[in-house]
Amino acid sequence: MSEDLVTEVTEESEIVVEEPGQETDPVSSLTADLQRLQAEYANYKKRVERDRSLAHELAVSSVLIELLPVLDDIERAESHGELTGGFKAVADHIASATERIGLSKYGTAGDAFDPQIHEALLHDTSADVTTSTATKILQPGYKFKDRILRPARVGVTDPEDTPVNE
């Protein structure tokens, strides 16, 4: 032990460590240590819960991503009138289960084009639109909570260029 530090043992078996020229209150230092440990533990619990929640969302997202081609096939079968009988009941159950989990479909013709949620596959110009618009939905997009699982694949129509005045 260093010669600069003085250690005393009191009758209550408390160890008091004092630096030269500084008085230390053992109760306040132990209270500060306890508060620091409690704060560290609370932060640890929050971090573990946040990580657990994130891991759960990532696991659900990866399963839903694998189901997207199945949902596309079901939608195509329905649009061709081939979705009947028992297969329709199964398709309805799959659709309701994915909606309960939190999967939502987005992308309708006429929406404003947003490159963060749309993927432009076709491009056209027209005098009928004033802003870039998703006029054809080639494949719907899907979200799970706030996470985009697949962007909507769209055909975009831009306004025709107006001549620049010189």
Protein backbone atom coordinates (compact mmCIF):
# COMPACT_ATOMS: atom_id res chain seq x y z
CA MET A 1 0.00 0.00 0.00
CA SER A 2 1.19 3.50 -0.74
CA GLU A 3 2.55 5.64 2.05
CA ASP A 4 0.31 8.54 0.94
CA LEU A 5 -2.87 6.72 1.90
CA VAL A 6 -3.98 6.21 5.49
CA THR A 7 -6.19 3.27 6.29
CA GLU A 8 -8.17 3.02 9.50
CA VAL A 9 -10.35 0.21 10.75
CA THR A 10 -13.15 1.41 13.01
CA GLU A 11 -15.14 -0.58 15.54
CA GLU A 12 -17.92 -1.31 13.01
CA SER A 13 -15.34 -2.99 10.69
CA GLU A 14 -15.49 -0.20 8.13
CA ILE A 15 -12.39 0.52 6.13
CA VAL A 16 -11.81 4.21 5.56
CA VAL A 17 -9.24 5.20 2.93
CA GLU A 18 -8.16 8.81 3.04
CA GLU A 19 -5.87 10.67 0.77
CA PRO A 20 -3.70 13.33 2.37
CA GLY A 21 -5.58 16.58 2.80
CA GLN A 22 -8.99 15.12 1.85
CA GLU A 23 -11.69 13.91 4.17
CA THR A 24 -13.87 11.10 2.89
CA ASP A 25 -17.32 10.29 4.14
CA PRO A 26 -17.66 6.49 3.85
CA VAL A 27 -21.45 6.63 3.66
CA SER A 28 -21.51 9.11 0.78
CA SER A 29 -18.83 7.24 -1.18
CA LEU A 30 -20.63 3.91 -0.73
CA THR A 31 -23.93 5.56 -1.68
CA ALA A 32 -22.35 6.98 -4.83
CA ASP A 33 -20.95 3.54 -5.71
CA LEU A 34 -24.35 1.94 -5.18
CA GLN A 35 -26.08 4.56 -7.33
CA ARG A 36 -23.53 4.06 -10.10
CA LEU A 37 -24.01 0.27 -9.97
CA GLN A 38 -27.79 0.65 -10.05
CA ALA A 39 -27.57 2.95 -13.08
CA GLU A 40 -25.22 0.53 -14.86
CA TYR A 41 -27.59 -2.37 -14.14
CA ALA A 42 -30.63 -0.40 -15.36
CA ASN A 43 -28.78 0.50 -18.57
CA TYR A 44 -27.73 -3.13 -19.02
CA LYS A 45 -31.35 -4.31 -18.66
CA LYS A 46 -32.54 -1.73 -21.21
CA ARG A 47 -29.80 -2.71 -23.65
CA VAL A 48 -30.56 -6.44 -23.30
CA GLU A 49 -34.30 -5.84 -23.80
CA ARG A 50 -33.64 -3.64 -26.86
CA ASP A 51 -31.29 -6.26 -28.33
CA ARG A 52 -33.80 -9.04 -27.65
CA SER A 53 -36.57 -7.04 -29.34
CA LEU A 54 -34.35 -6.28 -32.34
CA ALA A 55 -33.35 -9.94 -32.70
CA HIS A 56 -37.03 -10.93 -32.62
CA GLU A 57 -37.94 -8.38 -35.30
CA LEU A 58 -35.05 -9.53 -37.51
CA ALA A 59 -36.10 -13.17 -37.17
CA VAL A 60 -39.73 -12.39 -38.04
CA SER A 61 -38.57 -10.19 -40.96
CA SER A 62 -36.43 -12.96 -42.42
CA VAL A 63 -39.34 -15.43 -42.28
CA LEU A 64 -41.68 -12.89 -43.90
CA ILE A 65 -39.13 -12.19 -46.66
CA GLU A 66 -39.15 -15.90 -47.49
CA LEU A 67 -42.98 -15.82 -47.69
CA LEU A 68 -43.13 -12.90 -50.15
CA PRO A 69 -42.85 -15.08 -53.30
CA VAL A 70 -45.69 -17.25 -51.96
CA LEU A 71 -47.84 -14.15 -51.41
CA ASP A 72 -47.01 -12.99 -54.96
CA ASP A 73 -48.07 -16.38 -56.37
CA ILE A 74 -51.32 -16.26 -54.40
CA GLU A 75 -52.03 -12.74 -55.71
CA ARG A 76 -51.33 -13.82 -59.30
CA ALA A 77 -53.58 -16.88 -58.93
CA GLU A 78 -56.34 -14.66 -57.55
CA SER A 79 -56.00 -12.16 -60.42
CA HIS A 80 -56.32 -15.02 -62.96
CA GLY A 81 -59.37 -16.49 -61.23
CA GLU A 82 -57.56 -19.67 -60.24
CA LEU A 83 -57.96 -19.14 -56.50
CA THR A 84 -60.96 -21.30 -55.59
CA GLY A 85 -62.05 -23.98 -53.14
CA GLY A 86 -59.73 -25.20 -50.42
CA PHE A 87 -56.77 -23.34 -51.83
CA LYS A 88 -58.65 -20.04 -51.38
CA ALA A 89 -59.21 -20.86 -47.71
CA VAL A 90 -55.51 -21.57 -47.24
CA ALA A 91 -54.60 -18.34 -49.06
CA ASP A 92 -56.99 -16.37 -46.84
CA HIS A 93 -55.44 -17.89 -43.71
CA ILE A 94 -51.93 -17.03 -44.89
CA ALA A 95 -52.96 -13.45 -45.69
CA SER A 96 -54.67 -12.95 -42.31
CA ALA A 97 -51.75 -14.51 -40.40
CA THR A 98 -49.18 -12.27 -42.07
CA GLU A 99 -51.36 -9.20 -41.42
CA ARG A 100 -51.69 -10.15 -37.72
CA ILE A 101 -47.92 -10.47 -37.48
CA GLY A 102 -47.54 -6.96 -38.90
CA LEU A 103 -46.84 -7.40 -42.61
CA SER A 104 -48.48 -4.70 -44.70
CA LYS A 105 -48.65 -4.34 -48.46
CA TYR A 106 -48.26 -0.93 -50.06
CA GLY A 107 -48.11 0.65 -53.48
CA THR A 108 -51.10 1.77 -55.48
CA ALA A 109 -51.29 3.37 -58.90
CA GLY A 110 -51.36 7.14 -58.58
CA ASP A 111 -49.08 7.41 -55.55
CA ALA A 112 -46.32 9.99 -55.72
CA PHE A 113 -43.04 8.31 -56.61
CA ASP A 114 -40.73 8.01 -53.60
CA PRO A 115 -37.35 6.38 -54.33
CA GLN A 116 -37.06 5.27 -50.71
CA ILE A 117 -40.07 2.96 -50.97
CA HIS A 118 -40.41 2.46 -54.74
CA GLU A 119 -38.14 0.85 -57.28
CA ALA A 120 -38.65 2.33 -60.75
CA LEU A 121 -38.57 -0.32 -63.49
CA LEU A 122 -40.30 1.63 -66.29
CA HIS A 123 -40.17 5.31 -67.15
CA ASP A 124 -42.55 7.45 -69.17
CA THR A 125 -43.52 11.12 -69.53
CA SER A 126 -46.97 12.62 -69.75
CA ALA A 127 -48.67 16.01 -69.63
CA ASP A 128 -51.34 14.47 -67.36
CA VAL A 129 -49.11 14.44 -64.27
CA THR A 130 -47.51 17.34 -62.39
CA THR A 131 -45.02 15.34 -60.30
CA SER A 132 -43.30 11.99 -60.67
CA THR A 133 -46.05 9.43 -60.14
CA ALA A 134 -46.10 5.65 -59.79
CA THR A 135 -48.65 4.90 -62.51
CA LYS A 136 -48.14 1.13 -62.85
CA ILE A 137 -47.62 -1.23 -59.93
CA LEU A 138 -45.66 -4.16 -61.30
CA GLN A 139 -45.08 -5.76 -57.90
CA PRO A 140 -46.42 -4.48 -54.56
CA GLY A 141 -44.06 -3.51 -51.78
CA TYR A 142 -44.14 -4.95 -48.27
CA LYS A 143 -43.35 -3.45 -44.87
CA PHE A 144 -42.93 -5.07 -41.49
CA LYS A 145 -43.49 -2.40 -38.86
CA ASP A 146 -41.31 0.49 -40.12
CA ARG A 147 -38.88 -1.73 -42.05
CA ILE A 148 -39.20 -2.03 -45.85
CA LEU A 149 -38.90 -5.72 -46.70
CA ARG A 150 -39.30 -5.18 -50.41
CA PRO A 151 -39.78 -1.92 -52.31
CA ALA A 152 -42.78 -1.63 -54.60
CA ARG A 153 -41.65 -2.16 -58.19
CA VAL A 154 -43.38 0.46 -60.29
CA GLY A 155 -43.63 2.21 -63.62
CA VAL A 156 -43.03 5.93 -63.17
CA THR A 157 -44.55 8.74 -65.20
CA ASP A 158 -42.83 12.12 -65.05
CA PRO A 159 -44.32 15.42 -66.23
CA GLU A 160 -43.26 16.53 -69.67
CA ASP A 161 -40.41 19.02 -69.66
CA THR A 162 -41.52 22.60 -69.99
CA PRO A 163 -39.34 24.83 -72.13
CA VAL A 164 -36.98 27.07 -70.24
CA ASN A 165 -37.43 30.81 -70.91
CA GLU A 166 -34.22 32.42 -72.03
